Amino acid sequence: MKPKLILITMLTILMSGIQSHAQSNGKKILVAYFSHSGNTRAVAYDICKKTDGESFEIQTIKPYPTDYNTVVDQAKRELKADYRPELKSKLKNIKQYDVIFIGYPNWWGTYPQAVKVFLSQYDFSGKTIIPFCTHEGSELGRSVADLKKLCPKSHIQEGLAIRGSSAHNSGDKIEDWLKKLKIIK
């Protein structure tokens, strides 16, 4: 490769990185999410791509059943018993992030217990938390109120609810929401 071409390639790479960070206003962004069927994961990936955020999938050691009715029953029992499933991994340093998007399917009107465990493991004081969820009619339910109770010293921003059946085709809706929040231009 010629030196001039190498320089142009390096500048292009550097400029694309600068542009991505400028779109997120220089804030370090984490997109943490729990996904059972893949719908929330699709939304999380789109948010990461649009914000230049880092992703972290919240996973339980014991996977949830794949059968819909079985997982619905289990989620109901876990919520009622305030069950705390053990998670596969932890973040090394939450302090490095300014903005944390937290994504989940709406189970029984709120976030799954795995998300509650994740949120309970860290100090989010002074952090901006932005919820998003997938659902099939219940939208955000009471999850934002529950989030405010669990993270009272955080700045909770307007959440986004996306119907699970349209999660893989929601890019425009996500982009409009991120612009409204002034996360991207």
N, C-alpha and C. Protein backbone atom coordinates (compact mmCIF):
# COMPACT_ATOMS: atom_id res chain seq x y z
N MET A 1 0.85 -1.17 0.00
CA MET A 1 0.00 0.00 0.00
C MET A 1 0.90 1.24 0.00
N LYS A 2 0.50 2.24 -0.75
CA LYS A 2 1.27 3.47 -0.85
C LYS A 2 1.08 4.31 0.40
N PRO A 3 2.12 5.07 0.79
CA PRO A 3 2.02 5.89 2.00
C PRO A 3 0.84 6.85 2.00
N LYS A 4 0.55 7.46 0.86
CA LYS A 4 -0.57 8.41 0.79
C LYS A 4 -1.90 7.69 1.04
N LEU A 5 -2.05 6.51 0.48
CA LEU A 5 -3.27 5.73 0.66
C LEU A 5 -3.41 5.27 2.11
N ILE A 6 -2.30 4.92 2.74
CA ILE A 6 -2.32 4.53 4.15
C ILE A 6 -2.78 5.70 5.01
N LEU A 7 -2.25 6.89 4.72
CA LEU A 7 -2.60 8.08 5.48
C LEU A 7 -4.09 8.40 5.32
N ILE A 8 -4.59 8.32 4.11
CA ILE A 8 -6.01 8.59 3.86
C ILE A 8 -6.88 7.57 4.59
N THR A 9 -6.49 6.31 4.55
CA THR A 9 -7.24 5.25 5.25
C THR A 9 -7.24 5.51 6.75
N MET A 10 -6.09 5.86 7.31
CA MET A 10 -6.00 6.13 8.76
C MET A 10 -6.86 7.33 9.13
N LEU A 11 -6.83 8.38 8.33
CA LEU A 11 -7.64 9.56 8.62
C LEU A 11 -9.13 9.23 8.56
N THR A 12 -9.52 8.44 7.59
CA THR A 12 -10.92 8.04 7.46
C THR A 12 -11.37 7.28 8.71
N ILE A 13 -10.55 6.37 9.17
CA ILE A 13 -10.88 5.59 10.38
C ILE A 13 -10.98 6.52 11.59
N LEU A 14 -10.02 7.41 11.74
CA LEU A 14 -10.04 8.34 12.87
C LEU A 14 -11.26 9.26 12.82
N MET A 15 -11.59 9.77 11.65
CA MET A 15 -12.71 10.68 11.52
C MET A 15 -14.03 9.97 11.80
N SER A 16 -14.16 8.72 11.38
CA SER A 16 -15.40 8.00 11.65
C SER A 16 -15.57 7.80 13.15
N GLY A 17 -14.49 7.55 13.87
CA GLY A 17 -14.56 7.42 15.32
C GLY A 17 -14.93 8.73 15.98
N ILE A 18 -14.36 9.82 15.50
CA ILE A 18 -14.67 11.14 16.06
C ILE A 18 -16.14 11.48 15.82
N GLN A 19 -16.62 11.19 14.61
CA GLN A 19 -18.00 11.47 14.29
C GLN A 19 -18.94 10.67 15.18
N SER A 20 -18.65 9.40 15.41
CA SER A 20 -19.50 8.57 16.24
C SER A 20 -19.58 9.11 17.66
N HIS A 21 -18.43 9.49 18.21
CA HIS A 21 -18.42 10.02 19.57
C HIS A 21 -19.09 11.38 19.64
N ALA A 22 -18.97 12.18 18.59
CA ALA A 22 -19.63 13.48 18.57
C ALA A 22 -21.15 13.29 18.58
N GLN A 23 -21.64 12.23 17.92
CA GLN A 23 -23.06 11.99 17.90
C GLN A 23 -23.59 11.66 19.29
N SER A 24 -22.80 11.06 20.13
CA SER A 24 -23.26 10.74 21.48
C SER A 24 -22.81 11.81 22.47
N ASN A 25 -22.46 12.97 21.97
CA ASN A 25 -22.09 14.13 22.79
C ASN A 25 -20.91 13.85 23.71
N GLY A 26 -20.02 12.98 23.30
CA GLY A 26 -18.83 12.69 24.08
C GLY A 26 -19.08 11.86 25.33
N LYS A 27 -20.29 11.40 25.51
CA LYS A 27 -20.63 10.58 26.68
C LYS A 27 -20.29 9.13 26.41
N LYS A 28 -19.81 8.45 27.42
CA LYS A 28 -19.52 7.02 27.33
C LYS A 28 -20.83 6.28 27.59
N ILE A 29 -21.25 5.46 26.63
CA ILE A 29 -22.57 4.83 26.67
C ILE A 29 -22.46 3.32 26.80
N LEU A 30 -23.28 2.78 27.68
CA LEU A 30 -23.44 1.34 27.84
C LEU A 30 -24.87 0.99 27.50
N VAL A 31 -25.04 -0.08 26.72
CA VAL A 31 -26.37 -0.60 26.44
C VAL A 31 -26.42 -2.00 27.06
N ALA A 32 -27.03 -2.06 28.24
CA ALA A 32 -27.18 -3.34 28.96
C ALA A 32 -28.60 -3.84 28.72
N TYR A 33 -28.71 -5.13 28.42
CA TYR A 33 -30.04 -5.64 28.09
C TYR A 33 -30.17 -7.11 28.45
N PHE A 34 -31.42 -7.49 28.71
CA PHE A 34 -31.78 -8.89 28.89
C PHE A 34 -32.75 -9.21 27.77
N SER A 35 -32.52 -10.29 27.07
CA SER A 35 -33.40 -10.67 25.96
C SER A 35 -33.72 -12.15 26.05
N HIS A 36 -34.99 -12.48 25.99
CA HIS A 36 -35.39 -13.88 26.03
C HIS A 36 -35.57 -14.44 24.62
N SER A 37 -36.29 -13.72 23.77
CA SER A 37 -36.61 -14.23 22.44
C SER A 37 -35.73 -13.65 21.34
N GLY A 38 -34.93 -12.63 21.67
CA GLY A 38 -34.10 -11.98 20.66
C GLY A 38 -34.61 -10.61 20.25
N ASN A 39 -35.84 -10.26 20.61
CA ASN A 39 -36.39 -8.96 20.23
C ASN A 39 -35.67 -7.80 20.92
N THR A 40 -35.47 -7.92 22.21
CA THR A 40 -34.78 -6.85 22.94
C THR A 40 -33.33 -6.75 22.47
N ARG A 41 -32.72 -7.87 22.16
CA ARG A 41 -31.34 -7.88 21.64
C ARG A 41 -31.27 -7.08 20.33
N ALA A 42 -32.24 -7.24 19.45
CA ALA A 42 -32.26 -6.52 18.18
C ALA A 42 -32.32 -5.01 18.41
N VAL A 43 -33.15 -4.58 19.34
CA VAL A 43 -33.27 -3.16 19.67
C VAL A 43 -31.96 -2.66 20.28
N ALA A 44 -31.39 -3.45 21.19
CA ALA A 44 -30.12 -3.07 21.84
C ALA A 44 -29.01 -2.89 20.81
N TYR A 45 -28.91 -3.80 19.87
CA TYR A 45 -27.87 -3.70 18.84
C TYR A 45 -28.05 -2.44 18.01
N ASP A 46 -29.29 -2.09 17.71
CA ASP A 46 -29.54 -0.88 16.93
C ASP A 46 -29.14 0.36 17.73
N ILE A 47 -29.45 0.38 19.01
CA ILE A 47 -29.06 1.52 19.86
C ILE A 47 -27.54 1.62 19.91
N CYS A 48 -26.86 0.49 20.08
CA CYS A 48 -25.38 0.49 20.10
C CYS A 48 -24.82 1.07 18.82
N LYS A 49 -25.36 0.64 17.72
CA LYS A 49 -24.87 1.09 16.41
C LYS A 49 -25.08 2.59 16.24
N LYS A 50 -26.22 3.11 16.66
CA LYS A 50 -26.55 4.51 16.46
C LYS A 50 -25.83 5.43 17.45
N THR A 51 -25.42 4.91 18.60
CA THR A 51 -24.81 5.74 19.65
C THR A 51 -23.32 5.48 19.84
N ASP A 52 -22.79 4.49 19.18
CA ASP A 52 -21.41 4.05 19.40
C ASP A 52 -21.24 3.55 20.83
N GLY A 53 -22.31 2.98 21.38
CA GLY A 53 -22.27 2.46 22.73
C GLY A 53 -21.69 1.06 22.79
N GLU A 54 -21.33 0.66 24.00
CA GLU A 54 -20.85 -0.70 24.24
C GLU A 54 -22.02 -1.53 24.74
N SER A 55 -22.06 -2.79 24.36
CA SER A 55 -23.19 -3.63 24.79
C SER A 55 -22.77 -4.61 25.88
N PHE A 56 -23.75 -4.95 26.70
CA PHE A 56 -23.56 -5.96 27.74
C PHE A 56 -24.87 -6.72 27.85
N GLU A 57 -24.82 -8.02 27.57
CA GLU A 57 -26.03 -8.83 27.68
C GLU A 57 -26.13 -9.41 29.08
N ILE A 58 -27.24 -9.15 29.72
CA ILE A 58 -27.55 -9.70 31.04
C ILE A 58 -28.07 -11.11 30.81
N GLN A 59 -27.34 -12.09 31.32
CA GLN A 59 -27.72 -13.48 31.13
C GLN A 59 -27.75 -14.20 32.46
N THR A 60 -28.72 -15.06 32.61
CA THR A 60 -28.80 -15.87 33.82
C THR A 60 -27.99 -17.16 33.63
N ILE A 61 -27.48 -17.68 34.72
CA ILE A 61 -26.75 -18.95 34.65
C ILE A 61 -27.69 -20.06 34.19
N LYS A 62 -28.87 -20.09 34.76
CA LYS A 62 -29.86 -21.08 34.35
C LYS A 62 -30.78 -20.42 33.32
N PRO A 63 -30.72 -20.88 32.07
CA PRO A 63 -31.55 -20.26 31.02
C PRO A 63 -33.04 -20.42 31.28
N TYR A 64 -33.79 -19.48 30.77
CA TYR A 64 -35.24 -19.56 30.86
C TYR A 64 -35.78 -20.53 29.83
N PRO A 65 -36.93 -21.15 30.11
CA PRO A 65 -37.53 -22.08 29.13
C PRO A 65 -37.87 -21.34 27.83
N THR A 66 -37.88 -22.07 26.75
CA THR A 66 -38.21 -21.45 25.46
C THR A 66 -39.71 -21.44 25.20
N ASP A 67 -40.45 -22.33 25.82
CA ASP A 67 -41.90 -22.37 25.66
C ASP A 67 -42.52 -21.13 26.28
N TYR A 68 -43.36 -20.42 25.51
CA TYR A 68 -43.94 -19.15 25.94
C TYR A 68 -44.70 -19.26 27.26
N ASN A 69 -45.65 -20.17 27.34
CA ASN A 69 -46.47 -20.29 28.55
C ASN A 69 -45.64 -20.66 29.77
N THR A 70 -44.64 -21.50 29.58
CA THR A 70 -43.78 -21.90 30.69
C THR A 70 -42.97 -20.72 31.21
N VAL A 71 -42.41 -19.93 30.30
CA VAL A 71 -41.62 -18.77 30.74
C VAL A 71 -42.52 -17.71 31.38
N VAL A 72 -43.72 -17.54 30.88
CA VAL A 72 -44.66 -16.58 31.47
C VAL A 72 -44.98 -16.99 32.91
N ASP A 73 -45.25 -18.26 33.12
CA ASP A 73 -45.54 -18.75 34.47
C ASP A 73 -44.34 -18.58 35.39
N GLN A 74 -43.15 -18.90 34.89
CA GLN A 74 -41.95 -18.77 35.70
C GLN A 74 -41.70 -17.30 36.05
N ALA A 75 -41.87 -16.42 35.09
CA ALA A 75 -41.66 -14.98 35.35
C ALA A 75 -42.62 -14.47 36.42
N LYS A 76 -43.84 -14.93 36.37
CA LYS A 76 -44.84 -14.53 37.36
C LYS A 76 -44.44 -15.01 38.76
N ARG A 77 -44.01 -16.27 38.85
CA ARG A 77 -43.57 -16.82 40.15
C ARG A 77 -42.35 -16.06 40.68
N GLU A 78 -41.39 -15.78 39.81
CA GLU A 78 -40.18 -15.07 40.23
C GLU A 78 -40.49 -13.67 40.75
N LEU A 79 -41.36 -12.97 40.05
CA LEU A 79 -41.74 -11.62 40.46
C LEU A 79 -42.44 -11.65 41.82
N LYS A 80 -43.38 -12.56 41.96
CA LYS A 80 -44.15 -12.68 43.21
C LYS A 80 -43.23 -13.01 44.40
N ALA A 81 -42.26 -13.89 44.18
CA ALA A 81 -41.35 -14.32 45.25
C ALA A 81 -40.13 -13.42 45.39
N ASP A 82 -40.01 -12.41 44.54
CA ASP A 82 -38.81 -11.56 44.48
C ASP A 82 -37.54 -12.41 44.35
N TYR A 83 -37.65 -13.43 43.52
CA TYR A 83 -36.54 -14.34 43.25
C TYR A 83 -35.41 -13.60 42.54
N ARG A 84 -34.18 -13.87 42.91
CA ARG A 84 -33.01 -13.23 42.32
C ARG A 84 -32.16 -14.26 41.58
N PRO A 85 -32.35 -14.43 40.28
CA PRO A 85 -31.54 -15.41 39.54
C PRO A 85 -30.07 -14.99 39.51
N GLU A 86 -29.20 -15.99 39.51
CA GLU A 86 -27.77 -15.71 39.45
C GLU A 86 -27.39 -15.38 38.00
N LEU A 87 -26.57 -14.34 37.85
CA LEU A 87 -26.16 -13.90 36.52
C LEU A 87 -24.82 -14.51 36.12
N LYS A 88 -24.63 -14.68 34.82
CA LYS A 88 -23.41 -15.29 34.29
C LYS A 88 -22.17 -14.41 34.50
N SER A 89 -22.34 -13.09 34.36
CA SER A 89 -21.16 -12.23 34.44
C SER A 89 -21.51 -10.85 34.98
N LYS A 90 -20.46 -10.13 35.36
CA LYS A 90 -20.60 -8.78 35.88
C LYS A 90 -19.74 -7.84 35.05
N LEU A 91 -20.10 -6.58 35.05
CA LEU A 91 -19.27 -5.55 34.43
C LEU A 91 -18.08 -5.28 35.35
N LYS A 92 -16.95 -4.99 34.75
CA LYS A 92 -15.77 -4.70 35.57
C LYS A 92 -15.79 -3.29 36.15
N ASN A 93 -16.30 -2.32 35.37
CA ASN A 93 -16.23 -0.95 35.83
C ASN A 93 -17.41 -0.14 35.32
N ILE A 94 -18.44 -0.03 36.11
CA ILE A 94 -19.62 0.75 35.73
C ILE A 94 -19.32 2.25 35.78
N LYS A 95 -18.32 2.64 36.55
CA LYS A 95 -18.01 4.06 36.73
C LYS A 95 -17.61 4.75 35.43
N GLN A 96 -17.11 4.00 34.46
CA GLN A 96 -16.64 4.61 33.21
C GLN A 96 -17.78 5.10 32.31
N TYR A 97 -19.01 4.69 32.60
CA TYR A 97 -20.14 5.04 31.74
C TYR A 97 -20.92 6.22 32.29
N ASP A 98 -21.31 7.11 31.39
CA ASP A 98 -22.12 8.28 31.75
C ASP A 98 -23.61 7.99 31.57
N VAL A 99 -23.90 7.26 30.50
CA VAL A 99 -25.28 6.96 30.12
C VAL A 99 -25.43 5.44 30.03
N ILE A 100 -26.46 4.93 30.69
CA ILE A 100 -26.72 3.49 30.64
C ILE A 100 -28.13 3.28 30.10
N PHE A 101 -28.21 2.67 28.93
CA PHE A 101 -29.49 2.21 28.40
C PHE A 101 -29.72 0.85 29.03
N ILE A 102 -30.94 0.62 29.50
CA ILE A 102 -31.26 -0.67 30.09
C ILE A 102 -32.48 -1.23 29.37
N GLY A 103 -32.30 -2.41 28.75
CA GLY A 103 -33.34 -2.99 27.93
C GLY A 103 -33.84 -4.33 28.45
N TYR A 104 -35.11 -4.61 28.19
CA TYR A 104 -35.73 -5.81 28.72
C TYR A 104 -37.07 -6.05 28.05
N PRO A 105 -37.53 -7.30 28.07
CA PRO A 105 -38.92 -7.55 27.69
C PRO A 105 -39.80 -7.20 28.89
N ASN A 106 -40.98 -6.71 28.64
CA ASN A 106 -41.90 -6.41 29.73
C ASN A 106 -42.56 -7.72 30.17
N TRP A 107 -42.20 -8.14 31.37
CA TRP A 107 -42.77 -9.37 31.94
C TRP A 107 -43.62 -8.97 33.13
N TRP A 108 -44.90 -9.21 33.04
CA TRP A 108 -45.85 -8.91 34.11
C TRP A 108 -45.80 -7.44 34.54
N GLY A 109 -45.69 -6.56 33.56
CA GLY A 109 -45.78 -5.13 33.83
C GLY A 109 -44.49 -4.44 34.21
N THR A 110 -43.38 -5.18 34.25
CA THR A 110 -42.12 -4.56 34.64
C THR A 110 -40.95 -5.32 34.01
N TYR A 111 -39.75 -5.01 34.45
CA TYR A 111 -38.58 -5.71 33.92
C TYR A 111 -38.42 -7.07 34.60
N PRO A 112 -37.78 -8.02 33.92
CA PRO A 112 -37.53 -9.33 34.52
C PRO A 112 -36.62 -9.23 35.75
N GLN A 113 -36.72 -10.23 36.60
CA GLN A 113 -35.91 -10.26 37.82
C GLN A 113 -34.41 -10.24 37.52
N ALA A 114 -33.99 -10.78 36.39
CA ALA A 114 -32.56 -10.74 36.03
C ALA A 114 -32.08 -9.30 35.88
N VAL A 115 -32.93 -8.43 35.38
CA VAL A 115 -32.58 -7.01 35.25
C VAL A 115 -32.50 -6.38 36.63
N LYS A 116 -33.40 -6.76 37.51
CA LYS A 116 -33.37 -6.25 38.89
C LYS A 116 -32.06 -6.64 39.57
N VAL A 117 -31.62 -7.88 39.36
CA VAL A 117 -30.35 -8.32 39.93
C VAL A 117 -29.21 -7.47 39.37
N PHE A 118 -29.18 -7.28 38.07
CA PHE A 118 -28.14 -6.47 37.44
C PHE A 118 -28.11 -5.07 38.03
N LEU A 119 -29.26 -4.43 38.11
CA LEU A 119 -29.34 -3.06 38.62
C LEU A 119 -28.93 -2.97 40.09
N SER A 120 -29.17 -4.04 40.84
CA SER A 120 -28.85 -4.06 42.27
C SER A 120 -27.35 -4.22 42.53
N GLN A 121 -26.60 -4.66 41.54
CA GLN A 121 -25.17 -4.95 41.72
C GLN A 121 -24.27 -3.71 41.65
N TYR A 122 -24.81 -2.59 41.20
CA TYR A 122 -23.96 -1.42 40.95
C TYR A 122 -24.55 -0.16 41.56
N ASP A 123 -23.69 0.84 41.72
CA ASP A 123 -24.13 2.15 42.17
C ASP A 123 -24.31 3.03 40.94
N PHE A 124 -25.54 3.40 40.66
CA PHE A 124 -25.86 4.23 39.50
C PHE A 124 -26.07 5.69 39.88
N SER A 125 -25.61 6.09 41.06
CA SER A 125 -25.78 7.47 41.51
C SER A 125 -25.18 8.44 40.50
N GLY A 126 -25.97 9.43 40.12
CA GLY A 126 -25.51 10.46 39.19
C GLY A 126 -25.49 10.02 37.72
N LYS A 127 -25.77 8.77 37.45
CA LYS A 127 -25.76 8.27 36.07
C LYS A 127 -27.11 8.57 35.41
N THR A 128 -27.07 8.70 34.09
CA THR A 128 -28.30 8.80 33.31
C THR A 128 -28.69 7.40 32.88
N ILE A 129 -29.90 7.01 33.22
CA ILE A 129 -30.42 5.69 32.84
C ILE A 129 -31.59 5.90 31.89
N ILE A 130 -31.53 5.17 30.78
CA ILE A 130 -32.58 5.29 29.76
C ILE A 130 -33.15 3.90 29.49
N PRO A 131 -34.39 3.66 29.91
CA PRO A 131 -34.99 2.33 29.72
C PRO A 131 -35.58 2.15 28.32
N PHE A 132 -35.54 0.91 27.86
CA PHE A 132 -36.27 0.53 26.64
C PHE A 132 -36.76 -0.89 26.83
N CYS A 133 -37.91 -1.17 26.26
CA CYS A 133 -38.46 -2.51 26.41
C CYS A 133 -39.16 -2.97 25.15
N THR A 134 -39.30 -4.28 25.06
CA THR A 134 -40.14 -4.87 24.03
C THR A 134 -41.36 -5.45 24.74
N HIS A 135 -42.46 -5.47 24.04
CA HIS A 135 -43.72 -5.88 24.66
C HIS A 135 -44.68 -6.34 23.57
N GLU A 136 -45.81 -6.85 23.98
CA GLU A 136 -46.87 -7.19 23.03
C GLU A 136 -48.18 -6.54 23.44
N GLY A 137 -48.09 -5.33 23.97
CA GLY A 137 -49.29 -4.57 24.29
C GLY A 137 -49.22 -3.80 25.59
N SER A 138 -48.31 -4.18 26.48
CA SER A 138 -48.25 -3.55 27.80
C SER A 138 -47.29 -2.37 27.87
N GLU A 139 -46.61 -2.07 26.77
CA GLU A 139 -45.64 -0.98 26.69
C GLU A 139 -44.66 -1.04 27.86
N LEU A 140 -44.34 0.09 28.50
CA LEU A 140 -43.36 0.10 29.59
C LEU A 140 -43.96 -0.35 30.92
N GLY A 141 -45.31 -0.46 30.99
CA GLY A 141 -45.95 -0.87 32.23
C GLY A 141 -45.52 0.03 33.38
N ARG A 142 -45.20 -0.58 34.50
CA ARG A 142 -44.73 0.17 35.68
C ARG A 142 -43.20 0.11 35.80
N SER A 143 -42.53 -0.37 34.77
CA SER A 143 -41.08 -0.59 34.85
C SER A 143 -40.30 0.69 35.14
N VAL A 144 -40.74 1.83 34.61
CA VAL A 144 -40.02 3.08 34.86
C VAL A 144 -40.16 3.47 36.33
N ALA A 145 -41.34 3.33 36.89
CA ALA A 145 -41.55 3.62 38.32
C ALA A 145 -40.70 2.68 39.17
N ASP A 146 -40.66 1.40 38.80
CA ASP A 146 -39.83 0.44 39.53
C ASP A 146 -38.35 0.79 39.41
N LEU A 147 -37.96 1.24 38.25
CA LEU A 147 -36.56 1.64 38.02
C LEU A 147 -36.20 2.84 38.90
N LYS A 148 -37.10 3.79 39.00
CA LYS A 148 -36.86 4.97 39.84
C LYS A 148 -36.72 4.60 41.31
N LYS A 149 -37.48 3.60 41.76
CA LYS A 149 -37.37 3.13 43.15
C LYS A 149 -36.03 2.44 43.39
N LEU A 150 -35.60 1.64 42.43
CA LEU A 150 -34.38 0.86 42.58
C LEU A 150 -33.12 1.72 42.42
N CYS A 151 -33.20 2.77 41.61
CA CYS A 151 -32.05 3.65 41.33
C CYS A 151 -32.44 5.11 41.61
N PRO A 152 -32.74 5.44 42.88
CA PRO A 152 -33.29 6.77 43.20
C PRO A 152 -32.31 7.93 42.98
N LYS A 153 -31.03 7.67 42.92
CA LYS A 153 -30.06 8.75 42.76
C LYS A 153 -29.58 8.88 41.31
N SER A 154 -30.31 8.25 40.40
CA SER A 154 -30.00 8.30 38.97
C SER A 154 -30.95 9.27 38.28
N HIS A 155 -30.55 9.68 37.09
CA HIS A 155 -31.39 10.54 36.26
C HIS A 155 -32.07 9.62 35.24
N ILE A 156 -33.33 9.32 35.46
CA ILE A 156 -34.07 8.42 34.58
C ILE A 156 -34.69 9.24 33.45
N GLN A 157 -34.36 8.87 32.22
CA GLN A 157 -34.86 9.58 31.04
C GLN A 157 -36.09 8.86 30.48
N GLU A 158 -36.71 9.48 29.49
CA GLU A 158 -37.89 8.92 28.84
C GLU A 158 -37.55 7.59 28.17
N GLY A 159 -38.34 6.60 28.46
CA GLY A 159 -38.11 5.27 27.90
C GLY A 159 -38.77 5.08 26.55
N LEU A 160 -38.44 3.96 25.94
CA LEU A 160 -39.01 3.60 24.65
C LEU A 160 -39.58 2.19 24.75
N ALA A 161 -40.81 2.02 24.30
CA ALA A 161 -41.45 0.71 24.25
C ALA A 161 -41.67 0.34 22.79
N ILE A 162 -41.20 -0.82 22.40
CA ILE A 162 -41.34 -1.29 21.03
C ILE A 162 -42.04 -2.64 21.05
N ARG A 163 -43.05 -2.75 20.25
CA ARG A 163 -43.75 -4.03 20.13
C ARG A 163 -42.76 -5.08 19.64
N GLY A 164 -42.71 -6.20 20.35
CA GLY A 164 -41.75 -7.25 20.03
C GLY A 164 -41.82 -7.70 18.58
N SER A 165 -43.03 -7.75 18.03
CA SER A 165 -43.19 -8.20 16.65
C SER A 165 -42.59 -7.24 15.63
N SER A 166 -42.30 -6.00 16.04
CA SER A 166 -41.68 -5.04 15.12
C SER A 166 -40.27 -4.64 15.55
N ALA A 167 -39.70 -5.36 16.51
CA ALA A 167 -38.39 -5.01 17.05
C ALA A 167 -37.29 -5.01 16.00
N HIS A 168 -37.38 -5.91 15.04
CA HIS A 168 -36.33 -6.03 14.03
C HIS A 168 -36.46 -4.98 12.92
N ASN A 169 -37.54 -4.21 12.95
CA ASN A 169 -37.77 -3.17 11.93
C ASN A 169 -38.09 -1.83 12.58
N SER A 170 -37.43 -1.51 13.67
CA SER A 170 -37.78 -0.30 14.44
C SER A 170 -36.70 0.77 14.39
N GLY A 171 -35.80 0.68 13.43
CA GLY A 171 -34.67 1.61 13.37
C GLY A 171 -35.06 3.07 13.34
N ASP A 172 -36.08 3.43 12.56
CA ASP A 172 -36.50 4.83 12.48
C ASP A 172 -37.08 5.32 13.80
N LYS A 173 -37.87 4.48 14.44
CA LYS A 173 -38.46 4.84 15.74
C LYS A 173 -37.36 5.03 16.79
N ILE A 174 -36.37 4.16 16.77
CA ILE A 174 -35.25 4.27 17.72
C ILE A 174 -34.46 5.54 17.44
N GLU A 175 -34.19 5.82 16.19
CA GLU A 175 -33.43 7.03 15.84
C GLU A 175 -34.17 8.30 16.26
N ASP A 176 -35.47 8.36 16.01
CA ASP A 176 -36.26 9.53 16.43
C ASP A 176 -36.20 9.72 17.94
N TRP A 177 -36.31 8.63 18.68
CA TRP A 177 -36.25 8.67 20.15
C TRP A 177 -34.88 9.17 20.63
N LEU A 178 -33.81 8.65 20.04
CA LEU A 178 -32.46 9.07 20.43
C LEU A 178 -32.23 10.55 20.12
N LYS A 179 -32.78 11.03 19.02
CA LYS A 179 -32.67 12.46 18.68
C LYS A 179 -33.46 13.30 19.67
N LYS A 180 -34.65 12.85 20.02
CA LYS A 180 -35.49 13.58 20.99
C LYS A 180 -34.78 13.69 22.34
N LEU A 181 -34.06 12.64 22.73
CA LEU A 181 -33.30 12.65 23.98
C LEU A 181 -31.98 13.41 23.87
N LYS A 182 -31.66 13.84 22.65
CA LYS A 182 -30.40 14.54 22.36
C LYS A 182 -29.17 13.66 22.60
N ILE A 183 -29.34 12.35 22.38
CA ILE A 183 -28.22 11.43 22.47
C ILE A 183 -27.46 11.45 21.15
N ILE A 184 -28.19 11.57 20.04
CA ILE A 184 -27.57 11.70 18.72
C ILE A 184 -28.16 12.94 18.04
N LYS A 185 -27.48 13.38 17.00
CA LYS A 185 -27.96 14.57 16.25
C LYS A 185 -28.79 14.16 15.07
